[in-house]
Amino acid sequence: LLARRARLTVLLTDAPAYRVLPEMLPPYRP
């Protein structure tokens, strides 16, 4: 990504694990 030489580079990594069912909370709303 940095090799593209953009003014701003944003790298975000997420690695969710251990999904639990049934859902514990009301639906998420942004």
Full PDB file with SEQRES, HELIX, SHEET, SSBOND, CRYST1, ORIGX, SCALE, CONECT and MASTER records, all heavy atoms in Angstrom:
SEQRES   1 A   30  LEU LEU ALA ARG ARG ALA ARG LEU THR VAL LEU LEU THR          
SEQRES   2 A   30  ASP ALA PRO ALA TYR ARG VAL LEU PRO GLU MET LEU PRO          
SEQRES   3 A   30  PRO TYR ARG PRO                                              
HELIX    1 AA1 LEU A    2  ARG A    4  5                                   3    
CRYST1    1.000    1.000    1.000  90.00  90.00  90.00 P 1           1          
ORIGX1      1.000000  0.000000  0.000000        0.00000                         
ORIGX2      0.000000  1.000000  0.000000        0.00000                         
ORIGX3      0.000000  0.000000  1.000000        0.00000                         
SCALE1      1.000000  0.000000  0.000000        0.00000                         
SCALE2      0.000000  1.000000  0.000000        0.00000                         
SCALE3      0.000000  0.000000  1.000000        0.00000                         
ATOM      1  N   LEU A   1       0.833  -1.207   0.000  1.00  0.00           N  
ATOM      2  CA  LEU A   1       0.000   0.000   0.000  1.00  0.00           C  
ATOM      3  C   LEU A   1       0.871   1.261   0.000  1.00  0.00           C  
ATOM      4  O   LEU A   1       0.602   2.213  -0.738  1.00  0.00           O  
ATOM      5  CB  LEU A   1      -0.920  -0.002   1.225  1.00  0.00           C  
ATOM      6  CG  LEU A   1      -2.000  -1.088   1.246  1.00  0.00           C  
ATOM      7  CD1 LEU A   1      -2.638  -1.170   2.624  1.00  0.00           C  
ATOM      8  CD2 LEU A   1      -3.070  -0.813   0.191  1.00  0.00           C  
ATOM      9  N   LEU A   2       1.915   1.273   0.819  1.00  0.00           N  
ATOM     10  CA  LEU A   2       2.775   2.447   0.891  1.00  0.00           C  
ATOM     11  C   LEU A   2       3.521   2.680  -0.420  1.00  0.00           C  
ATOM     12  O   LEU A   2       3.863   3.825  -0.745  1.00  0.00           O  
ATOM     13  CB  LEU A   2       3.765   2.296   2.040  1.00  0.00           C  
ATOM     14  CG  LEU A   2       3.168   2.370   3.455  1.00  0.00           C  
ATOM     15  CD1 LEU A   2       4.236   2.087   4.502  1.00  0.00           C  
ATOM     16  CD2 LEU A   2       2.537   3.738   3.701  1.00  0.00           C  
ATOM     17  N   ALA A   3       3.763   1.628  -1.179  1.00  0.00           N  
ATOM     18  CA  ALA A   3       4.466   1.776  -2.444  1.00  0.00           C  
ATOM     19  C   ALA A   3       3.682   2.614  -3.447  1.00  0.00           C  
ATOM     20  O   ALA A   3       4.257   3.132  -4.408  1.00  0.00           O  
ATOM     21  CB  ALA A   3       4.774   0.402  -3.046  1.00  0.00           C  
ATOM     22  N   ARG A   4       2.376   2.778  -3.235  1.00  0.00           N  
ATOM     23  CA  ARG A   4       1.568   3.606  -4.132  1.00  0.00           C  
ATOM     24  C   ARG A   4       1.752   5.092  -3.857  1.00  0.00           C  
ATOM     25  O   ARG A   4       1.281   5.927  -4.619  1.00  0.00           O  
ATOM     26  CB  ARG A   4       0.086   3.225  -4.035  1.00  0.00           C  
ATOM     27  CG  ARG A   4      -0.245   1.783  -4.387  1.00  0.00           C  
ATOM     28  CD  ARG A   4       0.440   1.314  -5.676  1.00  0.00           C  
ATOM     29  NE  ARG A   4       0.409   2.276  -6.748  1.00  0.00           N  
ATOM     30  CZ  ARG A   4      -0.592   2.414  -7.611  1.00  0.00           C  
ATOM     31  NH1 ARG A   4      -1.643   1.617  -7.524  1.00  0.00           N  
ATOM     32  NH2 ARG A   4      -0.543   3.312  -8.567  1.00  0.00           N  
ATOM     33  N   ARG A   5       2.387   5.428  -2.756  1.00  0.00           N  
ATOM     34  CA  ARG A   5       2.755   6.811  -2.434  1.00  0.00           C  
ATOM     35  C   ARG A   5       1.556   7.755  -2.407  1.00  0.00           C  
ATOM     36  O   ARG A   5       1.596   8.869  -2.944  1.00  0.00           O  
ATOM     37  CB  ARG A   5       3.816   7.329  -3.414  1.00  0.00           C  
ATOM     38  CG  ARG A   5       5.098   6.512  -3.384  1.00  0.00           C  
ATOM     39  CD  ARG A   5       6.175   7.128  -4.252  1.00  0.00           C  
ATOM     40  NE  ARG A   5       7.396   6.325  -4.232  1.00  0.00           N  
ATOM     41  CZ  ARG A   5       8.312   6.381  -3.274  1.00  0.00           C  
ATOM     42  NH1 ARG A   5       8.140   7.217  -2.254  1.00  0.00           N  
ATOM     43  NH2 ARG A   5       9.395   5.623  -3.335  1.00  0.00           N  
ATOM     44  N   ALA A   6       0.475   7.304  -1.807  1.00  0.00           N  
ATOM     45  CA  ALA A   6      -0.672   8.188  -1.591  1.00  0.00           C  
ATOM     46  C   ALA A   6      -0.346   9.175  -0.486  1.00  0.00           C  
ATOM     47  O   ALA A   6       0.542   8.957   0.338  1.00  0.00           O  
ATOM     48  CB  ALA A   6      -1.899   7.360  -1.221  1.00  0.00           C  
ATOM     49  N   ARG A   7      -1.056  10.268  -0.457  1.00  0.00           N  
ATOM     50  CA  ARG A   7      -0.836  11.247   0.610  1.00  0.00           C  
ATOM     51  C   ARG A   7      -1.158  10.634   1.964  1.00  0.00           C  
ATOM     52  O   ARG A   7      -0.418  10.793   2.933  1.00  0.00           O  
ATOM     53  CB  ARG A   7      -1.707  12.486   0.382  1.00  0.00           C  
ATOM     54  CG  ARG A   7      -1.604  13.501   1.520  1.00  0.00           C  
ATOM     55  CD  ARG A   7      -2.638  14.596   1.385  1.00  0.00           C  
ATOM     56  NE  ARG A   7      -2.327  15.477   0.266  1.00  0.00           N  
ATOM     57  CZ  ARG A   7      -3.147  16.434  -0.166  1.00  0.00           C  
ATOM     58  NH1 ARG A   7      -4.328  16.576   0.401  1.00  0.00           N  
ATOM     59  NH2 ARG A   7      -2.795  17.208  -1.164  1.00  0.00           N  
ATOM     60  N   LEU A   8      -2.290   9.915   2.056  1.00  0.00           N  
ATOM     61  CA  LEU A   8      -2.680   9.251   3.299  1.00  0.00           C  
ATOM     62  C   LEU A   8      -2.991   7.799   2.997  1.00  0.00           C  
ATOM     63  O   LEU A   8      -3.725   7.495   2.052  1.00  0.00           O  
ATOM     64  CB  LEU A   8      -3.904   9.934   3.922  1.00  0.00           C  
ATOM     65  CG  LEU A   8      -4.471   9.276   5.192  1.00  0.00           C  
ATOM     66  CD1 LEU A   8      -3.477   9.422   6.352  1.00  0.00           C  
ATOM     67  CD2 LEU A   8      -5.815   9.873   5.574  1.00  0.00           C  
ATOM     68  N   THR A   9      -2.431   6.898   3.797  1.00  0.00           N  
ATOM     69  CA  THR A   9      -2.718   5.469   3.694  1.00  0.00           C  
ATOM     70  C   THR A   9      -3.297   5.004   5.017  1.00  0.00           C  
ATOM     71  O   THR A   9      -2.725   5.279   6.074  1.00  0.00           O  
ATOM     72  CB  THR A   9      -1.448   4.669   3.372  1.00  0.00           C  
ATOM     73  OG1 THR A   9      -0.905   5.109   2.117  1.00  0.00           O  
ATOM     74  CG2 THR A   9      -1.755   3.183   3.281  1.00  0.00           C  
ATOM     75  N   VAL A  10      -4.430   4.318   4.965  1.00  0.00           N  
ATOM     76  CA  VAL A  10      -5.092   3.800   6.165  1.00  0.00           C  
ATOM     77  C   VAL A  10      -5.222   2.287   6.007  1.00  0.00           C  
ATOM     78  O   VAL A  10      -5.874   1.810   5.076  1.00  0.00           O  
ATOM     79  CB  VAL A  10      -6.487   4.436   6.368  1.00  0.00           C  
ATOM     80  CG1 VAL A  10      -7.143   3.872   7.627  1.00  0.00           C  
ATOM     81  CG2 VAL A  10      -6.388   5.953   6.455  1.00  0.00           C  
ATOM     82  N   LEU A  11      -4.602   1.543   6.926  1.00  0.00           N  
ATOM     83  CA  LEU A  11      -4.691   0.077   6.934  1.00  0.00           C  
ATOM     84  C   LEU A  11      -5.350  -0.367   8.227  1.00  0.00           C  
ATOM     85  O   LEU A  11      -4.850  -0.084   9.321  1.00  0.00           O  
ATOM     86  CB  LEU A  11      -3.302  -0.555   6.799  1.00  0.00           C  
ATOM     87  CG  LEU A  11      -3.244  -2.082   6.956  1.00  0.00           C  
ATOM     88  CD1 LEU A  11      -4.136  -2.773   5.927  1.00  0.00           C  
ATOM     89  CD2 LEU A  11      -1.812  -2.581   6.838  1.00  0.00           C  
ATOM     90  N   LEU A  12      -6.474  -1.059   8.098  1.00  0.00           N  
ATOM     91  CA  LEU A  12      -7.226  -1.561   9.242  1.00  0.00           C  
ATOM     92  C   LEU A  12      -7.362  -3.071   9.094  1.00  0.00           C  
ATOM     93  O   LEU A  12      -7.750  -3.564   8.028  1.00  0.00           O  
ATOM     94  CB  LEU A  12      -8.617  -0.929   9.305  1.00  0.00           C  
ATOM     95  CG  LEU A  12      -8.681   0.602   9.214  1.00  0.00           C  
ATOM     96  CD1 LEU A  12     -10.126   1.064   9.098  1.00  0.00           C  
ATOM     97  CD2 LEU A  12      -8.016   1.244  10.416  1.00  0.00           C  
ATOM     98  N   THR A  13      -7.053  -3.821  10.155  1.00  0.00           N  
ATOM     99  CA  THR A  13      -7.219  -5.274  10.106  1.00  0.00           C  
ATOM    100  C   THR A  13      -8.041  -5.733  11.300  1.00  0.00           C  
ATOM    101  O   THR A  13      -7.810  -5.317  12.435  1.00  0.00           O  
ATOM    102  CB  THR A  13      -5.862  -6.000  10.093  1.00  0.00           C  
ATOM    103  OG1 THR A  13      -5.044  -5.517  11.164  1.00  0.00           O  
ATOM    104  CG2 THR A  13      -5.146  -5.779   8.778  1.00  0.00           C  
ATOM    105  N   ASP A  14      -9.018  -6.588  11.007  1.00  0.00           N  
ATOM    106  CA  ASP A  14      -9.893  -7.157  12.031  1.00  0.00           C  
ATOM    107  C   ASP A  14      -9.865  -8.670  11.861  1.00  0.00           C  
ATOM    108  O   ASP A  14      -9.768  -9.176  10.736  1.00  0.00           O  
ATOM    109  CB  ASP A  14     -11.315  -6.623  11.869  1.00  0.00           C  
ATOM    110  CG  ASP A  14     -12.150  -6.750  13.135  1.00  0.00           C  
ATOM    111  OD1 ASP A  14     -11.650  -7.373  14.094  1.00  0.00           O  
ATOM    112  OD2 ASP A  14     -13.285  -6.224  13.162  1.00  0.00           O  
ATOM    113  N   ALA A  15      -9.943  -9.384  12.960  1.00  0.00           N  
ATOM    114  CA  ALA A  15      -9.879 -10.855  12.909  1.00  0.00           C  
ATOM    115  C   ALA A  15     -10.893 -11.456  13.861  1.00  0.00           C  
ATOM    116  O   ALA A  15     -10.547 -12.090  14.858  1.00  0.00           O  
ATOM    117  CB  ALA A  15      -8.472 -11.326  13.252  1.00  0.00           C  
ATOM    118  N   PRO A  16     -12.207 -11.258  13.598  1.00  0.00           N  
ATOM    119  CA  PRO A  16     -13.225 -11.760  14.518  1.00  0.00           C  
ATOM    120  C   PRO A  16     -13.150 -13.271  14.679  1.00  0.00           C  
ATOM    121  O   PRO A  16     -12.925 -14.011  13.723  1.00  0.00           O  
ATOM    122  CB  PRO A  16     -14.541 -11.343  13.852  1.00  0.00           C  
ATOM    123  CG  PRO A  16     -14.172 -10.256  12.906  1.00  0.00           C  
ATOM    124  CD  PRO A  16     -12.790 -10.560  12.446  1.00  0.00           C  
ATOM    125  N   ALA A  17     -13.370 -13.736  15.892  1.00  0.00           N  
ATOM    126  CA  ALA A  17     -13.358 -15.177  16.182  1.00  0.00           C  
ATOM    127  C   ALA A  17     -14.379 -15.471  17.275  1.00  0.00           C  
ATOM    128  O   ALA A  17     -14.869 -14.553  17.945  1.00  0.00           O  
ATOM    129  CB  ALA A  17     -11.963 -15.622  16.622  1.00  0.00           C  
ATOM    130  N   TYR A  18     -14.709 -16.738  17.449  1.00  0.00           N  
ATOM    131  CA  TYR A  18     -15.617 -17.184  18.514  1.00  0.00           C  
ATOM    132  C   TYR A  18     -17.004 -16.553  18.399  1.00  0.00           C  
ATOM    133  O   TYR A  18     -17.509 -15.950  19.330  1.00  0.00           O  
ATOM    134  CB  TYR A  18     -15.025 -16.873  19.898  1.00  0.00           C  
ATOM    135  CG  TYR A  18     -13.726 -17.556  20.162  1.00  0.00           C  
ATOM    136  CD1 TYR A  18     -12.550 -16.822  20.216  1.00  0.00           C  
ATOM    137  CD2 TYR A  18     -13.644 -18.934  20.328  1.00  0.00           C  
ATOM    138  CE1 TYR A  18     -11.332 -17.442  20.439  1.00  0.00           C  
ATOM    139  CE2 TYR A  18     -12.431 -19.562  20.553  1.00  0.00           C  
ATOM    140  CZ  TYR A  18     -11.287 -18.806  20.609  1.00  0.00           C  
ATOM    141  OH  TYR A  18     -10.089 -19.411  20.817  1.00  0.00           O  
ATOM    142  N   ARG A  19     -17.600 -16.709  17.254  1.00  0.00           N  
ATOM    143  CA  ARG A  19     -18.967 -16.222  17.123  1.00  0.00           C  
ATOM    144  C   ARG A  19     -19.882 -17.043  18.023  1.00  0.00           C  
ATOM    145  O   ARG A  19     -19.826 -18.278  18.027  1.00  0.00           O  
ATOM    146  CB  ARG A  19     -19.427 -16.335  15.674  1.00  0.00           C  
ATOM    147  CG  ARG A  19     -20.837 -15.829  15.466  1.00  0.00           C  
ATOM    148  CD  ARG A  19     -21.320 -16.105  14.058  1.00  0.00           C  
ATOM    149  NE  ARG A  19     -22.685 -15.651  13.876  1.00  0.00           N  
ATOM    150  CZ  ARG A  19     -23.464 -16.046  12.884  1.00  0.00           C  
ATOM    151  NH1 ARG A  19     -23.009 -16.909  11.995  1.00  0.00           N  
ATOM    152  NH2 ARG A  19     -24.692 -15.588  12.774  1.00  0.00           N  
ATOM    153  N   VAL A  20     -20.715 -16.354  18.770  1.00  0.00           N  
ATOM    154  CA  VAL A  20     -21.604 -17.023  19.717  1.00  0.00           C  
ATOM    155  C   VAL A  20     -23.054 -16.874  19.250  1.00  0.00           C  
ATOM    156  O   VAL A  20     -23.491 -15.797  18.885  1.00  0.00           O  
ATOM    157  CB  VAL A  20     -21.443 -16.431  21.136  1.00  0.00           C  
ATOM    158  CG1 VAL A  20     -22.471 -17.037  22.082  1.00  0.00           C  
ATOM    159  CG2 VAL A  20     -20.036 -16.686  21.647  1.00  0.00           C  
ATOM    160  N   LEU A  21     -23.781 -17.983  19.250  1.00  0.00           N  
ATOM    161  CA  LEU A  21     -25.209 -17.980  18.956  1.00  0.00           C  
ATOM    162  C   LEU A  21     -25.942 -18.576  20.154  1.00  0.00           C  
ATOM    163  O   LEU A  21     -25.416 -19.469  20.826  1.00  0.00           O  
ATOM    164  CB  LEU A  21     -25.495 -18.803  17.694  1.00  0.00           C  
ATOM    165  CG  LEU A  21     -24.969 -18.220  16.380  1.00  0.00           C  
ATOM    166  CD1 LEU A  21     -25.217 -19.187  15.241  1.00  0.00           C  
ATOM    167  CD2 LEU A  21     -25.629 -16.879  16.086  1.00  0.00           C  
ATOM    168  N   PRO A  22     -27.147 -18.179  20.443  1.00  0.00           N  
ATOM    169  CA  PRO A  22     -27.921 -17.139  19.743  1.00  0.00           C  
ATOM    170  C   PRO A  22     -27.386 -15.737  20.022  1.00  0.00           C  
ATOM    171  O   PRO A  22     -26.556 -15.551  20.906  1.00  0.00           O  
ATOM    172  CB  PRO A  22     -29.324 -17.330  20.336  1.00  0.00           C  
ATOM    173  CG  PRO A  22     -29.056 -17.813  21.721  1.00  0.00           C  
ATOM    174  CD  PRO A  22     -27.862 -18.714  21.608  1.00  0.00           C  
ATOM    175  N   GLU A  23     -27.891 -14.761  19.263  1.00  0.00           N  
ATOM    176  CA  GLU A  23     -27.451 -13.381  19.432  1.00  0.00           C  
ATOM    177  C   GLU A  23     -27.786 -12.914  20.847  1.00  0.00           C  
ATOM    178  O   GLU A  23     -28.856 -13.185  21.385  1.00  0.00           O  
ATOM    179  CB  GLU A  23     -28.128 -12.467  18.413  1.00  0.00           C  
ATOM    180  CG  GLU A  23     -27.940 -12.910  16.967  1.00  0.00           C  
ATOM    181  CD  GLU A  23     -26.487 -12.862  16.520  1.00  0.00           C  
ATOM    182  OE1 GLU A  23     -25.645 -12.393  17.295  1.00  0.00           O  
ATOM    183  OE2 GLU A  23     -26.207 -13.308  15.399  1.00  0.00           O  
ATOM    184  N   MET A  24     -26.840 -12.197  21.448  1.00  0.00           N  
ATOM    185  CA  MET A  24     -26.977 -11.800  22.837  1.00  0.00           C  
ATOM    186  C   MET A  24     -27.596 -10.420  23.024  1.00  0.00           C  
ATOM    187  O   MET A  24     -28.089 -10.090  24.093  1.00  0.00           O  
ATOM    188  CB  MET A  24     -25.600 -11.802  23.507  1.00  0.00           C  
ATOM    189  CG  MET A  24     -24.926 -13.165  23.564  1.00  0.00           C  
ATOM    190  SD  MET A  24     -25.813 -14.313  24.659  1.00  0.00           S  
ATOM    191  CE  MET A  24     -26.750 -15.269  23.475  1.00  0.00           C  
ATOM    192  N   LEU A  25     -27.557  -9.596  21.965  1.00  0.00           N  
ATOM    193  CA  LEU A  25     -27.980  -8.202  22.092  1.00  0.00           C  
ATOM    194  C   LEU A  25     -28.952  -7.845  20.981  1.00  0.00           C  
ATOM    195  O   LEU A  25     -29.040  -8.552  19.962  1.00  0.00           O  
ATOM    196  CB  LEU A  25     -26.758  -7.277  22.023  1.00  0.00           C  
ATOM    197  CG  LEU A  25     -25.712  -7.434  23.138  1.00  0.00           C  
ATOM    198  CD1 LEU A  25     -24.475  -6.614  22.825  1.00  0.00           C  
ATOM    199  CD2 LEU A  25     -26.298  -7.030  24.486  1.00  0.00           C  
ATOM    200  N   PRO A  26     -29.687  -6.741  21.121  1.00  0.00           N  
ATOM    201  CA  PRO A  26     -30.556  -6.289  20.028  1.00  0.00           C  
ATOM    202  C   PRO A  26     -29.723  -5.997  18.785  1.00  0.00           C  
ATOM    203  O   PRO A  26     -28.499  -5.808  18.869  1.00  0.00           O  
ATOM    204  CB  PRO A  26     -31.196  -5.013  20.587  1.00  0.00           C  
ATOM    205  CG  PRO A  26     -31.049  -5.118  22.066  1.00  0.00           C  
ATOM    206  CD  PRO A  26     -29.800  -5.886  22.319  1.00  0.00           C  
ATOM    207  N   PRO A  27     -30.351  -5.937  17.621  1.00  0.00           N  
ATOM    208  CA  PRO A  27     -29.596  -5.698  16.384  1.00  0.00           C  
ATOM    209  C   PRO A  27     -28.788  -4.405  16.465  1.00  0.00           C  
ATOM    210  O   PRO A  27     -29.234  -3.396  17.018  1.00  0.00           O  
ATOM    211  CB  PRO A  27     -30.683  -5.612  15.308  1.00  0.00           C  
ATOM    212  CG  PRO A  27     -31.829  -6.379  15.879  1.00  0.00           C  
ATOM    213  CD  PRO A  27     -31.788  -6.150  17.355  1.00  0.00           C  
ATOM    214  N   TYR A  28     -27.587  -4.452  15.909  1.00  0.00           N  
ATOM    215  CA  TYR A  28     -26.735  -3.270  15.878  1.00  0.00           C  
ATOM    216  C   TYR A  28     -27.235  -2.297  14.820  1.00  0.00           C  
ATOM    217  O   TYR A  28     -27.586  -2.696  13.703  1.00  0.00           O  
ATOM    218  CB  TYR A  28     -25.290  -3.668  15.545  1.00  0.00           C  
ATOM    219  CG  TYR A  28     -24.427  -2.490  15.172  1.00  0.00           C  
ATOM    220  CD1 TYR A  28     -23.883  -1.668  16.156  1.00  0.00           C  
ATOM    221  CD2 TYR A  28     -24.169  -2.181  13.839  1.00  0.00           C  
ATOM    222  CE1 TYR A  28     -23.101  -0.568  15.818  1.00  0.00           C  
ATOM    223  CE2 TYR A  28     -23.384  -1.099  13.492  1.00  0.00           C  
ATOM    224  CZ  TYR A  28     -22.857  -0.294  14.488  1.00  0.00           C  
ATOM    225  OH  TYR A  28     -22.094   0.799  14.143  1.00  0.00           O  
ATOM    226  N   ARG A  29     -27.287  -1.028  15.169  1.00  0.00           N  
ATOM    227  CA  ARG A  29     -27.654   0.012  14.215  1.00  0.00           C  
ATOM    228  C   ARG A  29     -26.614   1.122  14.294  1.00  0.00           C  
ATOM    229  O   ARG A  29     -26.355   1.645  15.373  1.00  0.00           O  
ATOM    230  CB  ARG A  29     -29.047   0.573  14.506  1.00  0.00           C  
ATOM    231  CG  ARG A  29     -30.160  -0.464  14.370  1.00  0.00           C  
ATOM    232  CD  ARG A  29     -31.538   0.176  14.418  1.00  0.00           C  
ATOM    233  NE  ARG A  29     -32.568  -0.829  14.329  1.00  0.00           N  
ATOM    234  CZ  ARG A  29     -33.195  -1.376  15.368  1.00  0.00           C  
ATOM    235  NH1 ARG A  29     -32.871  -0.974  16.583  1.00  0.00           N  
ATOM    236  NH2 ARG A  29     -34.120  -2.283  15.195  1.00  0.00           N  
ATOM    237  N   PRO A  30     -26.017   1.487  13.174  1.00  0.00           N  
ATOM    238  CA  PRO A  30     -25.016   2.560  13.202  1.00  0.00           C  
ATOM    239  C   PRO A  30     -25.666   3.888  13.538  1.00  0.00           C  
ATOM    240  O   PRO A  30     -26.875   4.068  13.358  1.00  0.00           O  
ATOM    241  CB  PRO A  30     -24.459   2.562  11.771  1.00  0.00           C  
ATOM    242  CG  PRO A  30     -25.547   1.959  10.943  1.00  0.00           C  
ATOM    243  CD  PRO A  30     -26.233   0.958  11.820  1.00  0.00           C  
TER     244      PRO A  30                                                      
MASTER        0    0    0    1    0    0    0    6  243    1    0    3          
END                                                                             
